[in-house]
């Protein structure tokens, strides 16, 4: 899993039917301090996240584990909205 910052949304009117009803979020992968490590990934939202939220994303086959995405062609999914990060 990776920490990411939601920077926008993506709207696709033509898409695989299994993605219908899902929200596509554009996220930057960040470190614990908010520095962008990898820009502009697209992830399917499962938590109701919005622009500006810090989120946890699952990638690869783990991204399809949430029940709503079990058969969807998904490579990244938002699985949590992070309230706080504490670094030692």
C-alpha atoms as a PDB file:
ATOM      1  CA  UNK A   1       0.000   0.000   0.000  1.00  0.00           C
ATOM      2  CA  UNK A   2       1.092   3.554  -0.679  1.00  0.00           C
ATOM      3  CA  UNK A   3       0.281   7.014   0.645  1.00  0.00           C
ATOM      4  CA  UNK A   4      -1.178   9.415  -1.914  1.00  0.00           C
ATOM      5  CA  UNK A   5      -2.678  12.894  -2.165  1.00  0.00           C
ATOM      6  CA  UNK A   6      -5.898  13.333  -4.166  1.00  0.00           C
ATOM      7  CA  UNK A   7      -5.370  16.116  -6.712  1.00  0.00           C
ATOM      8  CA  UNK A   8      -8.416  15.719  -8.946  1.00  0.00           C
ATOM      9  CA  UNK A   9     -10.981  13.482 -10.586  1.00  0.00           C
ATOM     10  CA  UNK A  10     -11.171  11.782 -13.952  1.00  0.00           C
ATOM     11  CA  UNK A  11     -14.444  11.444 -15.856  1.00  0.00           C
ATOM     12  CA  UNK A  12     -14.783   8.732 -18.482  1.00  0.00           C
ATOM     13  CA  UNK A  13     -18.155   8.533 -20.205  1.00  0.00           C
ATOM     14  CA  UNK A  14     -17.041   5.521 -22.236  1.00  0.00           C
ATOM     15  CA  UNK A  15     -15.485   2.803 -20.086  1.00  0.00           C
ATOM     16  CA  UNK A  16     -15.626  -0.858 -19.164  1.00  0.00           C
ATOM     17  CA  UNK A  17     -19.086  -1.568 -17.750  1.00  0.00           C
ATOM     18  CA  UNK A  18     -17.558  -2.910 -14.524  1.00  0.00           C
ATOM     19  CA  UNK A  19     -16.280   0.593 -13.738  1.00  0.00           C
ATOM     20  CA  UNK A  20     -19.747   2.161 -13.962  1.00  0.00           C
ATOM     21  CA  UNK A  21     -20.695   3.852 -10.705  1.00  0.00           C
ATOM     22  CA  UNK A  22     -17.110   4.141  -9.489  1.00  0.00           C
ATOM     23  CA  UNK A  23     -15.332   7.437  -8.943  1.00  0.00           C
ATOM     24  CA  UNK A  24     -11.933   7.800 -10.568  1.00  0.00           C
ATOM     25  CA  UNK A  25      -9.502   9.918  -8.576  1.00  0.00           C
ATOM     26  CA  UNK A  26      -6.219  11.369  -9.792  1.00  0.00           C
ATOM     27  CA  UNK A  27      -3.588  10.998  -7.068  1.00  0.00           C
ATOM     28  CA  UNK A  28       0.062  11.779  -6.535  1.00  0.00           C
ATOM     29  CA  UNK A  29       2.051   9.148  -4.659  1.00  0.00           C
ATOM     30  CA  UNK A  30       3.723  11.015  -1.776  1.00  0.00           C
ATOM     31  CA  UNK A  31       6.120  10.345   1.071  1.00  0.00           C
ATOM     32  CA  UNK A  32       5.075  10.826   4.700  1.00  0.00           C
ATOM     33  CA  UNK A  33       5.847  14.535   4.481  1.00  0.00           C
ATOM     34  CA  UNK A  34       3.791  15.177   1.343  1.00  0.00           C
ATOM     35  CA  UNK A  35       6.665  15.297  -1.171  1.00  0.00           C
ATOM     36  CA  UNK A  36       5.505  13.968  -4.550  1.00  0.00           C
ATOM     37  CA  UNK A  37       7.296  10.751  -5.475  1.00  0.00           C
ATOM     38  CA  UNK A  38       5.167   9.710  -8.469  1.00  0.00           C
ATOM     39  CA  UNK A  39       2.675  12.098 -10.087  1.00  0.00           C
ATOM     40  CA  UNK A  40      -0.718  11.479 -11.675  1.00  0.00           C
ATOM     41  CA  UNK A  41      -1.932   7.959 -10.960  1.00  0.00           C
ATOM     42  CA  UNK A  42      -5.631   7.099 -11.360  1.00  0.00           C
ATOM     43  CA  UNK A  43      -7.313   5.088  -8.600  1.00  0.00           C
ATOM     44  CA  UNK A  44     -10.892   3.917  -8.088  1.00  0.00           C
ATOM     45  CA  UNK A  45     -12.348   5.350  -4.878  1.00  0.00           C
ATOM     46  CA  UNK A  46     -13.948   2.992  -2.336  1.00  0.00           C
ATOM     47  CA  UNK A  47     -14.061   5.417   0.608  1.00  0.00           C
ATOM     48  CA  UNK A  48     -15.612   8.697  -0.536  1.00  0.00           C
ATOM     49  CA  UNK A  49     -12.323  10.593  -0.699  1.00  0.00           C
ATOM     50  CA  UNK A  50     -12.092  14.029  -2.259  1.00  0.00           C
ATOM     51  CA  UNK A  51      -9.590  16.515  -3.610  1.00  0.00           C
ATOM     52  CA  UNK A  52      -7.041  17.414  -0.951  1.00  0.00           C
ATOM     53  CA  UNK A  53      -7.451  14.201   1.055  1.00  0.00           C
ATOM     54  CA  UNK A  54      -4.457  12.082   1.965  1.00  0.00           C
ATOM     55  CA  UNK A  55      -5.332   8.474   1.185  1.00  0.00           C
ATOM     56  CA  UNK A  56      -3.977   4.956   1.261  1.00  0.00           C
ATOM     57  CA  UNK A  57      -4.054   3.133  -2.053  1.00  0.00           C
ATOM     58  CA  UNK A  58      -3.683  -0.539  -2.843  1.00  0.00           C
ATOM     59  CA  UNK A  59      -2.123  -1.386  -6.189  1.00  0.00           C
ATOM     60  CA  UNK A  60      -1.921  -4.445  -8.417  1.00  0.00           C
ATOM     61  CA  UNK A  61      -4.077  -7.484  -7.701  1.00  0.00           C
ATOM     62  CA  UNK A  62      -4.722  -6.250  -4.125  1.00  0.00           C
ATOM     63  CA  UNK A  63      -6.649  -3.297  -5.588  1.00  0.00           C
ATOM     64  CA  UNK A  64      -9.445  -5.676  -6.627  1.00  0.00           C
ATOM     65  CA  UNK A  65      -9.985  -7.103  -3.136  1.00  0.00           C
ATOM     66  CA  UNK A  66     -12.749  -4.663  -2.105  1.00  0.00           C
ATOM     67  CA  UNK A  67     -16.031  -6.457  -2.917  1.00  0.00           C
ATOM     68  CA  UNK A  68     -17.233  -3.840  -5.407  1.00  0.00           C
ATOM     69  CA  UNK A  69     -14.059  -4.232  -7.490  1.00  0.00           C
ATOM     70  CA  UNK A  70     -13.625  -8.024  -7.462  1.00  0.00           C
ATOM     71  CA  UNK A  71     -14.069  -8.395 -11.230  1.00  0.00           C
ATOM     72  CA  UNK A  72     -13.250  -4.859 -12.366  1.00  0.00           C
ATOM     73  CA  UNK A  73     -10.154  -4.014 -14.429  1.00  0.00           C
ATOM     74  CA  UNK A  74      -8.534  -2.032 -11.608  1.00  0.00           C
ATOM     75  CA  UNK A  75      -4.843  -1.542 -10.840  1.00  0.00           C
ATOM     76  CA  UNK A  76      -5.183   1.038  -8.030  1.00  0.00           C
ATOM     77  CA  UNK A  77      -7.900   1.600  -5.423  1.00  0.00           C
ATOM     78  CA  UNK A  78      -8.310   4.071  -2.569  1.00  0.00           C
ATOM     79  CA  UNK A  79      -8.859   1.869   0.493  1.00  0.00           C
ATOM     80  CA  UNK A  80      -8.593   4.422   3.327  1.00  0.00           C
ATOM     81  CA  UNK A  81      -8.639   8.147   4.037  1.00  0.00           C
ATOM     82  CA  UNK A  82      -5.696   9.002   6.288  1.00  0.00           C
ATOM     83  CA  UNK A  83      -6.424  11.289   9.233  1.00  0.00           C
ATOM     84  CA  UNK A  84      -2.892  11.635  10.554  1.00  0.00           C
ATOM     85  CA  UNK A  85       0.640  10.490   9.798  1.00  0.00           C
ATOM     86  CA  UNK A  86       3.147  10.456  12.645  1.00  0.00           C
ATOM     87  CA  UNK A  87       6.824  10.038  11.779  1.00  0.00           C
ATOM     88  CA  UNK A  88       9.469   9.160  14.341  1.00  0.00           C
END
